[in-house]
Amino acid sequence: MATKTQTELIQATLEELLVIGNGETPTAEESDVVERRIVPLLDDLSLRGVVHVPDPDEIEAAVFRHLVPLLAQDCAPSFGKRADYSVLAYAEDQLRTITSRVDVDSRLTFDSRLPGLWR
C-alpha cells in the first residue's frame, strides 16, 4: 500500500492553501506553521474515532487525500484565509467512510474446533 510522509503533507497543504505554487519550496516559517498542527490534528481525529494515523511519516494514500484539506482548513487562519467548514465536514465524512470499510476477511478468524468454518 502506498504511503505519504509528513513532508509531503506539509507541501500539499501549503499548495492547497495557495501559499506556494505547485512544486515550489515552502519557507521554514510556512512549513513550521503547518507542522505544528499535524500531531494535534491527528490526535483529535483519532480520539474522535474518525481515523487513526499512528505515524505521520507513513500516511496511507487514501487517508492522505482527505487529510490535506482538513489540515489546510485548520491552518487557513494562520495564512490570512477563512476556514471552510463544509470542506472540513466533507473530508471528515470521507475519512469515516474509509475507516468503516474494513476488509471483512481481516476480521474473520479460523476456529480450529470447527474445521472448514470461519467465525
Protein backbone atom coordinates (compact mmCIF):
# COMPACT_ATOMS: atom_id res chain seq x y z
CA MET A 1 0.00 0.00 0.00
CA ALA A 2 1.38 3.39 -0.97
CA THR A 3 2.14 5.84 1.81
CA LYS A 4 2.94 9.53 2.08
CA THR A 5 5.17 11.41 4.51
CA GLN A 6 4.72 14.37 6.81
CA THR A 7 6.89 16.44 4.45
CA GLU A 8 4.54 15.60 1.57
CA LEU A 9 1.56 16.50 3.78
CA ILE A 10 3.08 19.90 4.56
CA GLN A 11 3.82 20.55 0.89
CA ALA A 12 0.35 19.51 -0.27
CA THR A 13 -1.33 21.55 2.47
CA LEU A 14 0.53 24.72 1.51
CA GLU A 15 -0.29 24.12 -2.14
CA GLU A 16 -3.97 23.56 -1.24
CA LEU A 17 -3.98 26.92 0.53
CA LEU A 18 -2.23 28.53 -2.46
CA VAL A 19 0.51 29.73 -0.12
CA ILE A 20 3.01 28.19 -2.54
CA GLY A 21 2.71 27.12 -6.13
CA ASN A 22 2.80 23.52 -7.27
CA GLY A 23 6.32 22.20 -6.70
CA GLU A 24 7.62 25.37 -5.02
CA THR A 25 9.66 25.05 -1.86
CA PRO A 26 8.00 26.49 1.24
CA THR A 27 9.87 28.73 3.65
CA ALA A 28 10.86 27.28 7.02
CA GLU A 29 8.24 29.51 8.68
CA GLU A 30 5.46 28.30 6.37
CA SER A 31 6.43 24.68 6.98
CA ASP A 32 6.59 25.22 10.75
CA VAL A 33 3.07 26.65 10.87
CA VAL A 34 1.70 23.52 9.23
CA GLU A 35 3.98 21.05 11.00
CA ARG A 36 2.93 22.29 14.46
CA ARG A 37 -0.69 21.40 13.65
CA ILE A 38 -0.17 17.87 12.30
CA VAL A 39 0.13 15.86 15.52
CA PRO A 40 -2.69 17.74 17.32
CA LEU A 41 -4.96 17.21 14.30
CA LEU A 42 -4.10 13.50 14.07
CA ASP A 43 -4.64 13.11 17.82
CA ASP A 44 -8.03 14.83 17.57
CA LEU A 45 -9.13 12.65 14.65
CA SER A 46 -8.03 9.53 16.50
CA LEU A 47 -9.73 10.45 19.78
CA ARG A 48 -12.98 11.16 17.98
CA GLY A 49 -12.78 7.86 16.09
CA VAL A 50 -12.52 9.47 12.67
CA VAL A 51 -9.22 7.90 11.61
CA HIS A 52 -6.06 6.68 13.33
CA VAL A 53 -2.69 7.56 11.78
CA PRO A 54 0.00 6.16 14.09
CA ASP A 55 2.96 7.60 12.16
CA PRO A 56 2.78 10.92 10.27
CA ASP A 57 5.60 9.66 8.04
CA GLU A 58 3.53 6.67 6.91
CA ILE A 59 0.12 8.02 5.89
CA GLU A 60 -1.95 5.75 3.66
CA ALA A 61 -2.54 7.43 0.31
CA ALA A 62 -6.35 7.18 0.61
CA VAL A 63 -6.22 8.87 4.02
CA PHE A 64 -3.66 11.45 2.86
CA ARG A 65 -6.03 12.65 0.16
CA HIS A 66 -8.54 13.76 2.81
CA LEU A 67 -6.05 14.89 5.44
CA VAL A 68 -4.74 17.60 3.12
CA PRO A 69 -7.98 19.65 3.04
CA LEU A 70 -8.53 19.08 6.78
CA LEU A 71 -5.08 20.34 7.65
CA ALA A 72 -5.39 23.19 5.14
CA GLN A 73 -8.61 24.41 6.74
CA ASP A 74 -7.04 24.11 10.19
CA CYS A 75 -4.09 26.24 9.05
CA ALA A 76 -6.07 28.71 6.91
CA PRO A 77 -6.38 31.49 9.52
CA SER A 78 -2.60 31.49 10.04
CA PHE A 79 -2.25 32.41 6.37
CA GLY A 80 -4.97 35.09 6.40
CA LYS A 81 -7.65 32.83 4.92
CA ARG A 82 -11.05 31.76 6.19
CA ALA A 83 -11.64 28.15 7.09
CA ASP A 84 -14.36 26.49 5.02
CA TYR A 85 -16.30 24.28 7.42
CA SER A 86 -18.09 22.45 4.62
CA VAL A 87 -14.67 21.25 3.40
CA LEU A 88 -13.86 20.07 6.94
CA ALA A 89 -17.16 18.19 7.22
CA TYR A 90 -16.77 16.55 3.82
CA ALA A 91 -13.16 15.46 4.47
CA GLU A 92 -14.03 14.01 7.88
CA ASP A 93 -17.01 12.19 6.38
CA GLN A 94 -14.75 10.67 3.72
CA LEU A 95 -12.24 9.57 6.36
CA ARG A 96 -15.02 7.94 8.38
CA THR A 97 -16.15 6.11 5.26
CA ILE A 98 -12.63 4.85 4.59
CA THR A 99 -12.16 3.60 8.13
CA SER A 100 -15.60 1.98 8.28
CA ARG A 101 -14.88 -0.13 5.21
CA VAL A 102 -12.84 -2.73 6.99
CA ASP A 103 -11.98 -5.71 4.88
CA VAL A 104 -14.34 -8.37 6.20
CA ASP A 105 -11.77 -11.13 5.69
CA SER A 106 -9.34 -9.37 8.04
CA ARG A 107 -11.88 -9.72 10.87
CA LEU A 108 -12.50 -13.40 10.27
CA THR A 109 -10.57 -15.98 12.20
CA PHE A 110 -10.38 -19.70 11.73
CA ASP A 111 -11.85 -21.73 14.57
CA SER A 112 -9.83 -24.94 14.73
CA ARG A 113 -12.66 -26.66 16.64
CA LEU A 114 -14.82 -26.34 13.56
CA PRO A 115 -12.71 -27.43 10.59
CA GLY A 116 -13.53 -25.50 7.47
CA LEU A 117 -15.72 -22.94 9.19
CA TRP A 118 -14.99 -19.29 9.76
CA ARG A 119 -16.34 -17.33 12.68
